[in-house]
């Protein structure tokens, strides 16, 4: 979820404790922030 993407699905393809690589259905801009909602009710504010 972000200002540009009001809740959308994505797929995490690479994961570490510090970040992730995601595939989305919309373009994200480097430097923007999103909320990534992971399974198990895990949410993280992230910077692209």
ModelCIF file with pLDDT and N, C-alpha, C, O atoms, coordinates in Angstrom:
data_MODEL
#
_entry.id   MODEL 
#
_entity.id                         1 
_entity.type                       polymer 
_entity.pdbx_number_of_molecules   1 
#
_entity_poly.entity_id                      1 
_entity_poly.type                           'polypeptide(L)' 
_entity_poly.nstd_linkage                   no 
_entity_poly.nstd_monomer                   no 
_entity_poly.pdbx_seq_one_letter_code       
;(UNK)(UNK)(UNK)(UNK)(UNK)(UNK)(UNK)(UNK)(UNK)(UNK)(UNK)(UNK)(UNK)(UNK)(UNK)(UNK)
(UNK)(UNK)(UNK)(UNK)(UNK)(UNK)(UNK)(UNK)(UNK)(UNK)(UNK)(UNK)(UNK)(UNK)(UNK)(UNK)
(UNK)(UNK)(UNK)(UNK)(UNK)(UNK)(UNK)(UNK)(UNK)(UNK)(UNK)(UNK)(UNK)(UNK)(UNK)(UNK)
;
_entity_poly.pdbx_seq_one_letter_code_can   XXXXXXXXXXXXXXXXXXXXXXXXXXXXXXXXXXXXXXXXXXXXXXXX 
_entity_poly.pdbx_strand_id                 A 
#
loop_
_entity_poly_seq.entity_id 
_entity_poly_seq.num 
_entity_poly_seq.mon_id 
_entity_poly_seq.hetero 
1 1  UNK n 
1 2  UNK n 
1 3  UNK n 
1 4  UNK n 
1 5  UNK n 
1 6  UNK n 
1 7  UNK n 
1 8  UNK n 
1 9  UNK n 
1 10 UNK n 
1 11 UNK n 
1 12 UNK n 
1 13 UNK n 
1 14 UNK n 
1 15 UNK n 
1 16 UNK n 
1 17 UNK n 
1 18 UNK n 
1 19 UNK n 
1 20 UNK n 
1 21 UNK n 
1 22 UNK n 
1 23 UNK n 
1 24 UNK n 
1 25 UNK n 
1 26 UNK n 
1 27 UNK n 
1 28 UNK n 
1 29 UNK n 
1 30 UNK n 
1 31 UNK n 
1 32 UNK n 
1 33 UNK n 
1 34 UNK n 
1 35 UNK n 
1 36 UNK n 
1 37 UNK n 
1 38 UNK n 
1 39 UNK n 
1 40 UNK n 
1 41 UNK n 
1 42 UNK n 
1 43 UNK n 
1 44 UNK n 
1 45 UNK n 
1 46 UNK n 
1 47 UNK n 
1 48 UNK n 
#
_struct_asym.id          A 
_struct_asym.entity_id   1 
#
loop_
_ma_qa_metric.id 
_ma_qa_metric.mode 
_ma_qa_metric.name 
_ma_qa_metric.software_group_id 
_ma_qa_metric.type 
1 global pLDDT . pLDDT 
2 local  pLDDT . pLDDT 
#
_ma_qa_metric_global.metric_id      1 
_ma_qa_metric_global.metric_value   88.88 
_ma_qa_metric_global.model_id       1 
_ma_qa_metric_global.ordinal_id     1 
#
loop_
_ma_qa_metric_local.label_asym_id 
_ma_qa_metric_local.label_comp_id 
_ma_qa_metric_local.label_seq_id 
_ma_qa_metric_local.metric_id 
_ma_qa_metric_local.metric_value 
_ma_qa_metric_local.model_id 
_ma_qa_metric_local.ordinal_id 
A UNK 1  2 78.00 1 1  
A UNK 2  2 71.00 1 2  
A UNK 3  2 58.00 1 3  
A UNK 4  2 59.00 1 4  
A UNK 5  2 58.00 1 5  
A UNK 6  2 67.00 1 6  
A UNK 7  2 77.00 1 7  
A UNK 8  2 85.00 1 8  
A UNK 9  2 88.00 1 9  
A UNK 10 2 91.00 1 10 
A UNK 11 2 94.00 1 11 
A UNK 12 2 94.00 1 12 
A UNK 13 2 94.00 1 13 
A UNK 14 2 93.00 1 14 
A UNK 15 2 95.00 1 15 
A UNK 16 2 95.00 1 16 
A UNK 17 2 96.00 1 17 
A UNK 18 2 96.00 1 18 
A UNK 19 2 96.00 1 19 
A UNK 20 2 95.00 1 20 
A UNK 21 2 95.00 1 21 
A UNK 22 2 95.00 1 22 
A UNK 23 2 94.00 1 23 
A UNK 24 2 89.00 1 24 
A UNK 25 2 86.00 1 25 
A UNK 26 2 84.00 1 26 
A UNK 27 2 83.00 1 27 
A UNK 28 2 88.00 1 28 
A UNK 29 2 91.00 1 29 
A UNK 30 2 94.00 1 30 
A UNK 31 2 95.00 1 31 
A UNK 32 2 93.00 1 32 
A UNK 33 2 93.00 1 33 
A UNK 34 2 91.00 1 34 
A UNK 35 2 93.00 1 35 
A UNK 36 2 93.00 1 36 
A UNK 37 2 93.00 1 37 
A UNK 38 2 94.00 1 38 
A UNK 39 2 93.00 1 39 
A UNK 40 2 92.00 1 40 
A UNK 41 2 92.00 1 41 
A UNK 42 2 95.00 1 42 
A UNK 43 2 94.00 1 43 
A UNK 44 2 95.00 1 44 
A UNK 45 2 95.00 1 45 
A UNK 46 2 95.00 1 46 
A UNK 47 2 96.00 1 47 
A UNK 48 2 95.00 1 48 
#
loop_
_atom_site.group_PDB 
_atom_site.id 
_atom_site.type_symbol 
_atom_site.label_atom_id 
_atom_site.label_alt_id 
_atom_site.label_comp_id 
_atom_site.label_asym_id 
_atom_site.label_entity_id 
_atom_site.label_seq_id 
_atom_site.pdbx_PDB_ins_code 
_atom_site.Cartn_x 
_atom_site.Cartn_y 
_atom_site.Cartn_z 
_atom_site.occupancy 
_atom_site.B_iso_or_equiv 
_atom_site.pdbx_formal_charge 
_atom_site.auth_seq_id 
_atom_site.auth_comp_id 
_atom_site.auth_asym_id 
_atom_site.auth_atom_id 
_atom_site.pdbx_PDB_model_num 
ATOM 1   N N  . UNK A 1 1  ? 0.845  -1.189  0.000   1.00 78.00 ? 1  UNK A N  1 
ATOM 2   C CA . UNK A 1 1  ? 0.000  0.000   0.000   1.00 78.00 ? 1  UNK A CA 1 
ATOM 3   C C  . UNK A 1 1  ? 0.880  1.239   0.000   1.00 78.00 ? 1  UNK A C  1 
ATOM 4   O O  . UNK A 1 1  ? 1.878  1.309   0.718   1.00 78.00 ? 1  UNK A O  1 
ATOM 5   N N  . UNK A 1 2  ? 0.501  2.207   -0.808  1.00 71.00 ? 2  UNK A N  1 
ATOM 6   C CA . UNK A 1 2  ? 1.187  3.495   -0.863  1.00 71.00 ? 2  UNK A CA 1 
ATOM 7   C C  . UNK A 1 2  ? 0.181  4.526   -1.322  1.00 71.00 ? 2  UNK A C  1 
ATOM 8   O O  . UNK A 1 2  ? -0.980 4.202   -1.576  1.00 71.00 ? 2  UNK A O  1 
ATOM 9   N N  . UNK A 1 3  ? 0.618  5.755   -1.428  1.00 58.00 ? 3  UNK A N  1 
ATOM 10  C CA . UNK A 1 3  ? -0.266 6.800   -1.929  1.00 58.00 ? 3  UNK A CA 1 
ATOM 11  C C  . UNK A 1 3  ? -0.689 6.475   -3.355  1.00 58.00 ? 3  UNK A C  1 
ATOM 12  O O  . UNK A 1 3  ? -1.848 6.679   -3.718  1.00 58.00 ? 3  UNK A O  1 
ATOM 13  N N  . UNK A 1 4  ? 0.241  5.971   -4.170  1.00 59.00 ? 4  UNK A N  1 
ATOM 14  C CA . UNK A 1 4  ? -0.056 5.656   -5.571  1.00 59.00 ? 4  UNK A CA 1 
ATOM 15  C C  . UNK A 1 4  ? -0.795 4.329   -5.731  1.00 59.00 ? 4  UNK A C  1 
ATOM 16  O O  . UNK A 1 4  ? -1.539 4.158   -6.696  1.00 59.00 ? 4  UNK A O  1 
ATOM 17  N N  . UNK A 1 5  ? -0.607 3.393   -4.814  1.00 58.00 ? 5  UNK A N  1 
ATOM 18  C CA . UNK A 1 5  ? -1.222 2.063   -4.921  1.00 58.00 ? 5  UNK A CA 1 
ATOM 19  C C  . UNK A 1 5  ? -2.031 1.828   -3.652  1.00 58.00 ? 5  UNK A C  1 
ATOM 20  O O  . UNK A 1 5  ? -1.480 1.440   -2.622  1.00 58.00 ? 5  UNK A O  1 
ATOM 21  N N  . UNK A 1 6  ? -3.321 2.060   -3.726  1.00 67.00 ? 6  UNK A N  1 
ATOM 22  C CA . UNK A 1 6  ? -4.194 1.941   -2.549  1.00 67.00 ? 6  UNK A CA 1 
ATOM 23  C C  . UNK A 1 6  ? -4.501 0.481   -2.239  1.00 67.00 ? 6  UNK A C  1 
ATOM 24  O O  . UNK A 1 6  ? -5.652 0.055   -2.340  1.00 67.00 ? 6  UNK A O  1 
ATOM 25  N N  . UNK A 1 7  ? -3.519 -0.262  -1.875  1.00 77.00 ? 7  UNK A N  1 
ATOM 26  C CA . UNK A 1 7  ? -3.699 -1.671  -1.559  1.00 77.00 ? 7  UNK A CA 1 
ATOM 27  C C  . UNK A 1 7  ? -3.685 -2.506  -2.824  1.00 77.00 ? 7  UNK A C  1 
ATOM 28  O O  . UNK A 1 7  ? -4.628 -2.466  -3.614  1.00 77.00 ? 7  UNK A O  1 
ATOM 29  N N  . UNK A 1 8  ? -2.641 -3.244  -3.012  1.00 85.00 ? 8  UNK A N  1 
ATOM 30  C CA . UNK A 1 8  ? -2.455 -4.071  -4.194  1.00 85.00 ? 8  UNK A CA 1 
ATOM 31  C C  . UNK A 1 8  ? -1.697 -5.319  -3.781  1.00 85.00 ? 8  UNK A C  1 
ATOM 32  O O  . UNK A 1 8  ? -1.031 -5.342  -2.745  1.00 85.00 ? 8  UNK A O  1 
ATOM 33  N N  . UNK A 1 9  ? -1.802 -6.348  -4.593  1.00 88.00 ? 9  UNK A N  1 
ATOM 34  C CA . UNK A 1 9  ? -1.053 -7.575  -4.323  1.00 88.00 ? 9  UNK A CA 1 
ATOM 35  C C  . UNK A 1 9  ? 0.357  -7.455  -4.890  1.00 88.00 ? 9  UNK A C  1 
ATOM 36  O O  . UNK A 1 9  ? 0.603  -6.714  -5.842  1.00 88.00 ? 9  UNK A O  1 
ATOM 37  N N  . UNK A 1 10 ? 1.256  -8.186  -4.294  1.00 91.00 ? 10 UNK A N  1 
ATOM 38  C CA . UNK A 1 10 ? 2.618  -8.294  -4.813  1.00 91.00 ? 10 UNK A CA 1 
ATOM 39  C C  . UNK A 1 10 ? 3.139  -9.680  -4.456  1.00 91.00 ? 10 UNK A C  1 
ATOM 40  O O  . UNK A 1 10 ? 2.508  -10.422 -3.704  1.00 91.00 ? 10 UNK A O  1 
ATOM 41  N N  . UNK A 1 11 ? 4.283  -10.009 -4.999  1.00 94.00 ? 11 UNK A N  1 
ATOM 42  C CA . UNK A 1 11 ? 4.951  -11.274 -4.669  1.00 94.00 ? 11 UNK A CA 1 
ATOM 43  C C  . UNK A 1 11 ? 6.362  -10.955 -4.210  1.00 94.00 ? 11 UNK A C  1 
ATOM 44  O O  . UNK A 1 11 ? 7.113  -10.272 -4.906  1.00 94.00 ? 11 UNK A O  1 
ATOM 45  N N  . UNK A 1 12 ? 6.717  -11.452 -3.037  1.00 94.00 ? 12 UNK A N  1 
ATOM 46  C CA . UNK A 1 12 ? 8.077  -11.296 -2.515  1.00 94.00 ? 12 UNK A CA 1 
ATOM 47  C C  . UNK A 1 12 ? 8.904  -12.430 -3.111  1.00 94.00 ? 12 UNK A C  1 
ATOM 48  O O  . UNK A 1 12 ? 8.558  -13.601 -2.955  1.00 94.00 ? 12 UNK A O  1 
ATOM 49  N N  . UNK A 1 13 ? 9.995  -12.084 -3.792  1.00 94.00 ? 13 UNK A N  1 
ATOM 50  C CA . UNK A 1 13 ? 10.819 -13.108 -4.437  1.00 94.00 ? 13 UNK A CA 1 
ATOM 51  C C  . UNK A 1 13 ? 12.185 -13.273 -3.795  1.00 94.00 ? 13 UNK A C  1 
ATOM 52  O O  . UNK A 1 13 ? 12.919 -14.205 -4.121  1.00 94.00 ? 13 UNK A O  1 
ATOM 53  N N  . UNK A 1 14 ? 12.529 -12.375 -2.885  1.00 93.00 ? 14 UNK A N  1 
ATOM 54  C CA . UNK A 1 14 ? 13.818 -12.414 -2.225  1.00 93.00 ? 14 UNK A CA 1 
ATOM 55  C C  . UNK A 1 14 ? 13.629 -11.722 -0.880  1.00 93.00 ? 14 UNK A C  1 
ATOM 56  O O  . UNK A 1 14 ? 13.042 -10.641 -0.821  1.00 93.00 ? 14 UNK A O  1 
ATOM 57  N N  . UNK A 1 15 ? 14.112 -12.322 0.191   1.00 95.00 ? 15 UNK A N  1 
ATOM 58  C CA . UNK A 1 15 ? 13.826 -11.779 1.517   1.00 95.00 ? 15 UNK A CA 1 
ATOM 59  C C  . UNK A 1 15 ? 15.041 -11.875 2.430   1.00 95.00 ? 15 UNK A C  1 
ATOM 60  O O  . UNK A 1 15 ? 15.746 -12.885 2.438   1.00 95.00 ? 15 UNK A O  1 
ATOM 61  N N  . UNK A 1 16 ? 15.278 -10.819 3.195   1.00 95.00 ? 16 UNK A N  1 
ATOM 62  C CA . UNK A 1 16 ? 16.257 -10.834 4.276   1.00 95.00 ? 16 UNK A CA 1 
ATOM 63  C C  . UNK A 1 16 ? 15.618 -10.113 5.450   1.00 95.00 ? 16 UNK A C  1 
ATOM 64  O O  . UNK A 1 16 ? 14.501 -9.608  5.332   1.00 95.00 ? 16 UNK A O  1 
ATOM 65  N N  . UNK A 1 17 ? 16.306 -10.059 6.577   1.00 96.00 ? 17 UNK A N  1 
ATOM 66  C CA . UNK A 1 17 ? 15.718 -9.356  7.718   1.00 96.00 ? 17 UNK A CA 1 
ATOM 67  C C  . UNK A 1 17 ? 15.680 -7.847  7.472   1.00 96.00 ? 17 UNK A C  1 
ATOM 68  O O  . UNK A 1 17 ? 14.932 -7.132  8.139   1.00 96.00 ? 17 UNK A O  1 
ATOM 69  N N  . UNK A 1 18 ? 16.488 -7.351  6.511   1.00 96.00 ? 18 UNK A N  1 
ATOM 70  C CA . UNK A 1 18 ? 16.572 -5.912  6.248   1.00 96.00 ? 18 UNK A CA 1 
ATOM 71  C C  . UNK A 1 18 ? 15.750 -5.439  5.052   1.00 96.00 ? 18 UNK A C  1 
ATOM 72  O O  . UNK A 1 18 ? 15.544 -4.235  4.898   1.00 96.00 ? 18 UNK A O  1 
ATOM 73  N N  . UNK A 1 19 ? 15.274 -6.354  4.199   1.00 96.00 ? 19 UNK A N  1 
ATOM 74  C CA . UNK A 1 19 ? 14.542 -5.906  3.022   1.00 96.00 ? 19 UNK A CA 1 
ATOM 75  C C  . UNK A 1 19 ? 14.063 -7.047  2.156   1.00 96.00 ? 19 UNK A C  1 
ATOM 76  O O  . UNK A 1 19 ? 14.187 -8.220  2.509   1.00 96.00 ? 19 UNK A O  1 
ATOM 77  N N  . UNK A 1 20 ? 13.506 -6.674  1.003   1.00 95.00 ? 20 UNK A N  1 
ATOM 78  C CA . UNK A 1 20 ? 12.927 -7.672  0.112   1.00 95.00 ? 20 UNK A CA 1 
ATOM 79  C C  . UNK A 1 20 ? 12.962 -7.174  -1.329  1.00 95.00 ? 20 UNK A C  1 
ATOM 80  O O  . UNK A 1 20 ? 13.040 -5.975  -1.596  1.00 95.00 ? 20 UNK A O  1 
ATOM 81  N N  . UNK A 1 21 ? 12.902 -8.140  -2.247  1.00 95.00 ? 21 UNK A N  1 
ATOM 82  C CA . UNK A 1 21 ? 12.655 -7.837  -3.655  1.00 95.00 ? 21 UNK A CA 1 
ATOM 83  C C  . UNK A 1 21 ? 11.214 -8.247  -3.909  1.00 95.00 ? 21 UNK A C  1 
ATOM 84  O O  . UNK A 1 21 ? 10.798 -9.346  -3.543  1.00 95.00 ? 21 UNK A O  1 
ATOM 85  N N  . UNK A 1 22 ? 10.448 -7.349  -4.543  1.00 95.00 ? 22 UNK A N  1 
ATOM 86  C CA . UNK A 1 22 ? 9.039  -7.643  -4.786  1.00 95.00 ? 22 UNK A CA 1 
ATOM 87  C C  . UNK A 1 22 ? 8.699  -7.456  -6.258  1.00 95.00 ? 22 UNK A C  1 
ATOM 88  O O  . UNK A 1 22 ? 9.316  -6.654  -6.959  1.00 95.00 ? 22 UNK A O  1 
ATOM 89  N N  . UNK A 1 23 ? 7.703  -8.215  -6.710  1.00 94.00 ? 23 UNK A N  1 
ATOM 90  C CA . UNK A 1 23 ? 7.115  -8.033  -8.031  1.00 94.00 ? 23 UNK A CA 1 
ATOM 91  C C  . UNK A 1 23 ? 5.740  -7.431  -7.805  1.00 94.00 ? 23 UNK A C  1 
ATOM 92  O O  . UNK A 1 23 ? 4.962  -7.933  -6.994  1.00 94.00 ? 23 UNK A O  1 
ATOM 93  N N  . UNK A 1 24 ? 5.439  -6.354  -8.525  1.00 89.00 ? 24 UNK A N  1 
ATOM 94  C CA . UNK A 1 24 ? 4.180  -5.645  -8.340  1.00 89.00 ? 24 UNK A CA 1 
ATOM 95  C C  . UNK A 1 24 ? 3.413  -5.549  -9.652  1.00 89.00 ? 24 UNK A C  1 
ATOM 96  O O  . UNK A 1 24 ? 3.927  -5.894  -10.716 1.00 89.00 ? 24 UNK A O  1 
ATOM 97  N N  . UNK A 1 25 ? 2.181  -5.076  -9.556  1.00 86.00 ? 25 UNK A N  1 
ATOM 98  C CA . UNK A 1 25 ? 1.354  -4.856  -10.741 1.00 86.00 ? 25 UNK A CA 1 
ATOM 99  C C  . UNK A 1 25 ? 1.381  -3.398  -11.162 1.00 86.00 ? 25 UNK A C  1 
ATOM 100 O O  . UNK A 1 25 ? 0.690  -3.012  -12.105 1.00 86.00 ? 25 UNK A O  1 
ATOM 101 N N  . UNK A 1 26 ? 2.165  -2.589  -10.480 1.00 84.00 ? 26 UNK A N  1 
ATOM 102 C CA . UNK A 1 26 ? 2.304  -1.176  -10.814 1.00 84.00 ? 26 UNK A CA 1 
ATOM 103 C C  . UNK A 1 26 ? 3.723  -0.738  -10.555 1.00 84.00 ? 26 UNK A C  1 
ATOM 104 O O  . UNK A 1 26 ? 4.436  -1.339  -9.751  1.00 84.00 ? 26 UNK A O  1 
ATOM 105 N N  . UNK A 1 27 ? 4.128  0.309   -11.236 1.00 83.00 ? 27 UNK A N  1 
ATOM 106 C CA . UNK A 1 27 ? 5.484  0.825   -11.049 1.00 83.00 ? 27 UNK A CA 1 
ATOM 107 C C  . UNK A 1 27 ? 5.612  1.542   -9.709  1.00 83.00 ? 27 UNK A C  1 
ATOM 108 O O  . UNK A 1 27 ? 4.712  2.274   -9.296  1.00 83.00 ? 27 UNK A O  1 
ATOM 109 N N  . UNK A 1 28 ? 6.718  1.329   -9.047  1.00 88.00 ? 28 UNK A N  1 
ATOM 110 C CA . UNK A 1 28 ? 7.041  2.040   -7.814  1.00 88.00 ? 28 UNK A CA 1 
ATOM 111 C C  . UNK A 1 28 ? 8.254  2.915   -8.092  1.00 88.00 ? 28 UNK A C  1 
ATOM 112 O O  . UNK A 1 28 ? 9.141  2.516   -8.847  1.00 88.00 ? 28 UNK A O  1 
ATOM 113 N N  . UNK A 1 29 ? 8.305  4.080   -7.504  1.00 91.00 ? 29 UNK A N  1 
ATOM 114 C CA . UNK A 1 29 ? 9.392  5.025   -7.737  1.00 91.00 ? 29 UNK A CA 1 
ATOM 115 C C  . UNK A 1 29 ? 10.463 4.876   -6.654  1.00 91.00 ? 29 UNK A C  1 
ATOM 116 O O  . UNK A 1 29 ? 10.144 4.830   -5.466  1.00 91.00 ? 29 UNK A O  1 
ATOM 117 N N  . UNK A 1 30 ? 11.710 4.800   -7.058  1.00 94.00 ? 30 UNK A N  1 
ATOM 118 C CA . UNK A 1 30 ? 12.815 4.743   -6.096  1.00 94.00 ? 30 UNK A CA 1 
ATOM 119 C C  . UNK A 1 30 ? 12.743 5.968   -5.191  1.00 94.00 ? 30 UNK A C  1 
ATOM 120 O O  . UNK A 1 30 ? 12.531 7.089   -5.653  1.00 94.00 ? 30 UNK A O  1 
ATOM 121 N N  . UNK A 1 31 ? 12.924 5.733   -3.898  1.00 95.00 ? 31 UNK A N  1 
ATOM 122 C CA . UNK A 1 31 ? 12.856 6.798   -2.913  1.00 95.00 ? 31 UNK A CA 1 
ATOM 123 C C  . UNK A 1 31 ? 11.494 6.932   -2.257  1.00 95.00 ? 31 UNK A C  1 
ATOM 124 O O  . UNK A 1 31 ? 11.361 7.589   -1.224  1.00 95.00 ? 31 UNK A O  1 
ATOM 125 N N  . UNK A 1 32 ? 10.471 6.310   -2.855  1.00 93.00 ? 32 UNK A N  1 
ATOM 126 C CA . UNK A 1 32 ? 9.133  6.378   -2.260  1.00 93.00 ? 32 UNK A CA 1 
ATOM 127 C C  . UNK A 1 32 ? 9.010  5.364   -1.128  1.00 93.00 ? 32 UNK A C  1 
ATOM 128 O O  . UNK A 1 32 ? 9.842  4.466   -0.995  1.00 93.00 ? 32 UNK A O  1 
ATOM 129 N N  . UNK A 1 33 ? 7.973  5.513   -0.318  1.00 93.00 ? 33 UNK A N  1 
ATOM 130 C CA . UNK A 1 33 ? 7.734  4.603   0.802   1.00 93.00 ? 33 UNK A CA 1 
ATOM 131 C C  . UNK A 1 33 ? 6.441  3.832   0.584   1.00 93.00 ? 33 UNK A C  1 
ATOM 132 O O  . UNK A 1 33 ? 5.473  4.359   0.035   1.00 93.00 ? 33 UNK A O  1 
ATOM 133 N N  . UNK A 1 34 ? 6.439  2.580   1.020   1.00 91.00 ? 34 UNK A N  1 
ATOM 134 C CA . UNK A 1 34 ? 5.245  1.738   0.953   1.00 91.00 ? 34 UNK A CA 1 
ATOM 135 C C  . UNK A 1 34 ? 5.124  0.982   2.275   1.00 91.00 ? 34 UNK A C  1 
ATOM 136 O O  . UNK A 1 34 ? 6.072  0.909   3.058   1.00 91.00 ? 34 UNK A O  1 
ATOM 137 N N  . UNK A 1 35 ? 3.950  0.429   2.502   1.00 93.00 ? 35 UNK A N  1 
ATOM 138 C CA . UNK A 1 35 ? 3.751  -0.506  3.605   1.00 93.00 ? 35 UNK A CA 1 
ATOM 139 C C  . UNK A 1 35 ? 3.646  -1.881  2.976   1.00 93.00 ? 35 UNK A C  1 
ATOM 140 O O  . UNK A 1 35 ? 2.792  -2.110  2.120   1.00 93.00 ? 35 UNK A O  1 
ATOM 141 N N  . UNK A 1 36 ? 4.502  -2.792  3.391   1.00 93.00 ? 36 UNK A N  1 
ATOM 142 C CA . UNK A 1 36 ? 4.484  -4.169  2.902   1.00 93.00 ? 36 UNK A CA 1 
ATOM 143 C C  . UNK A 1 36 ? 3.797  -5.031  3.942   1.00 93.00 ? 36 UNK A C  1 
ATOM 144 O O  . UNK A 1 36 ? 4.256  -5.124  5.081   1.00 93.00 ? 36 UNK A O  1 
ATOM 145 N N  . UNK A 1 37 ? 2.693  -5.663  3.553   1.00 93.00 ? 37 UNK A N  1 
ATOM 146 C CA . UNK A 1 37 ? 1.925  -6.533  4.449   1.00 93.00 ? 37 UNK A CA 1 
ATOM 147 C C  . UNK A 1 37 ? 2.264  -7.985  4.122   1.00 93.00 ? 37 UNK A C  1 
ATOM 148 O O  . UNK A 1 37 ? 1.872  -8.508  3.080   1.00 93.00 ? 37 UNK A O  1 
ATOM 149 N N  . UNK A 1 38 ? 2.989  -8.616  5.020   1.00 94.00 ? 38 UNK A N  1 
ATOM 150 C CA . UNK A 1 38 ? 3.442  -9.995  4.842   1.00 94.00 ? 38 UNK A CA 1 
ATOM 151 C C  . UNK A 1 38 ? 2.521  -10.949 5.589   1.00 94.00 ? 38 UNK A C  1 
ATOM 152 O O  . UNK A 1 38 ? 1.779  -10.516 6.470   1.00 94.00 ? 38 UNK A O  1 
ATOM 153 N N  . UNK A 1 39 ? 2.552  -12.242 5.258   1.00 93.00 ? 39 UNK A N  1 
ATOM 154 C CA . UNK A 1 39 ? 1.734  -13.216 5.992   1.00 93.00 ? 39 UNK A CA 1 
ATOM 155 C C  . UNK A 1 39 ? 2.043  -13.194 7.483   1.00 93.00 ? 39 UNK A C  1 
ATOM 156 O O  . UNK A 1 39 ? 3.130  -12.790 7.895   1.00 93.00 ? 39 UNK A O  1 
ATOM 157 N N  . UNK A 1 40 ? 1.087  -13.628 8.280   1.00 92.00 ? 40 UNK A N  1 
ATOM 158 C CA . UNK A 1 40 ? 1.279  -13.658 9.727   1.00 92.00 ? 40 UNK A CA 1 
ATOM 159 C C  . UNK A 1 40 ? 1.095  -12.289 10.352  1.00 92.00 ? 40 UNK A C  1 
ATOM 160 O O  . UNK A 1 40 ? 1.594  -12.035 11.448  1.00 92.00 ? 40 UNK A O  1 
ATOM 161 N N  . UNK A 1 41 ? 0.385  -11.407 9.670   1.00 92.00 ? 41 UNK A N  1 
ATOM 162 C CA . UNK A 1 41 ? 0.112  -10.051 10.159  1.00 92.00 ? 41 UNK A CA 1 
ATOM 163 C C  . UNK A 1 41 ? 1.398  -9.264  10.433  1.00 92.00 ? 41 UNK A C  1 
ATOM 164 O O  . UNK A 1 41 ? 1.463  -8.471  11.373  1.00 92.00 ? 41 UNK A O  1 
ATOM 165 N N  . UNK A 1 42 ? 2.420  -9.494  9.601   1.00 95.00 ? 42 UNK A N  1 
ATOM 166 C CA . UNK A 1 42 ? 3.690  -8.772  9.706   1.00 95.00 ? 42 UNK A CA 1 
ATOM 167 C C  . UNK A 1 42 ? 3.635  -7.607  8.719   1.00 95.00 ? 42 UNK A C  1 
ATOM 168 O O  . UNK A 1 42 ? 3.464  -7.818  7.518   1.00 95.00 ? 42 UNK A O  1 
ATOM 169 N N  . UNK A 1 43 ? 3.776  -6.407  9.210   1.00 94.00 ? 43 UNK A N  1 
ATOM 170 C CA . UNK A 1 43 ? 3.752  -5.205  8.364   1.00 94.00 ? 43 UNK A CA 1 
ATOM 171 C C  . UNK A 1 43 ? 5.030  -4.406  8.583   1.00 94.00 ? 43 UNK A C  1 
ATOM 172 O O  . UNK A 1 43 ? 5.502  -4.248  9.709   1.00 94.00 ? 43 UNK A O  1 
ATOM 173 N N  . UNK A 1 44 ? 5.577  -3.906  7.478   1.00 95.00 ? 44 UNK A N  1 
ATOM 174 C CA . UNK A 1 44 ? 6.773  -3.081  7.559   1.00 95.00 ? 44 UNK A CA 1 
ATOM 175 C C  . UNK A 1 44 ? 6.645  -1.886  6.634   1.00 95.00 ? 44 UNK A C  1 
ATOM 176 O O  . UNK A 1 44 ? 6.253  -2.008  5.474   1.00 95.00 ? 44 UNK A O  1 
ATOM 177 N N  . UNK A 1 45 ? 6.991  -0.713  7.185   1.00 95.00 ? 45 UNK A N  1 
ATOM 178 C CA . UNK A 1 45 ? 7.164  0.472   6.359   1.00 95.00 ? 45 UNK A CA 1 
ATOM 179 C C  . UNK A 1 45 ? 8.494  0.281   5.643   1.00 95.00 ? 45 UNK A C  1 
ATOM 180 O O  . UNK A 1 45 ? 9.500  -0.030  6.280   1.00 95.00 ? 45 UNK A O  1 
ATOM 181 N N  . UNK A 1 46 ? 8.510  0.464   4.339   1.00 95.00 ? 46 UNK A N  1 
ATOM 182 C CA . UNK A 1 46 ? 9.728  0.227   3.564   1.00 95.00 ? 46 UNK A CA 1 
ATOM 183 C C  . UNK A 1 46 ? 10.009 1.405   2.641   1.00 95.00 ? 46 UNK A C  1 
ATOM 184 O O  . UNK A 1 46 ? 9.111  2.164   2.276   1.00 95.00 ? 46 UNK A O  1 
ATOM 185 N N  . UNK A 1 47 ? 11.268 1.535   2.278   1.00 96.00 ? 47 UNK A N  1 
ATOM 186 C CA . UNK A 1 47 ? 11.695 2.544   1.299   1.00 96.00 ? 47 UNK A CA 1 
ATOM 187 C C  . UNK A 1 47 ? 12.132 1.809   0.042   1.00 96.00 ? 47 UNK A C  1 
ATOM 188 O O  . UNK A 1 47 ? 12.912 0.859   0.112   1.00 96.00 ? 47 UNK A O  1 
ATOM 189 N N  . UNK A 1 48 ? 11.632 2.242   -1.103  1.00 95.00 ? 48 UNK A N  1 
ATOM 190 C CA . UNK A 1 48 ? 12.013 1.640   -2.378  1.00 95.00 ? 48 UNK A CA 1 
ATOM 191 C C  . UNK A 1 48 ? 13.420 2.126   -2.732  1.00 95.00 ? 48 UNK A C  1 
ATOM 192 O O  . UNK A 1 48 ? 13.959 1.750   -3.773  1.00 95.00 ? 48 UNK A O  1 
#
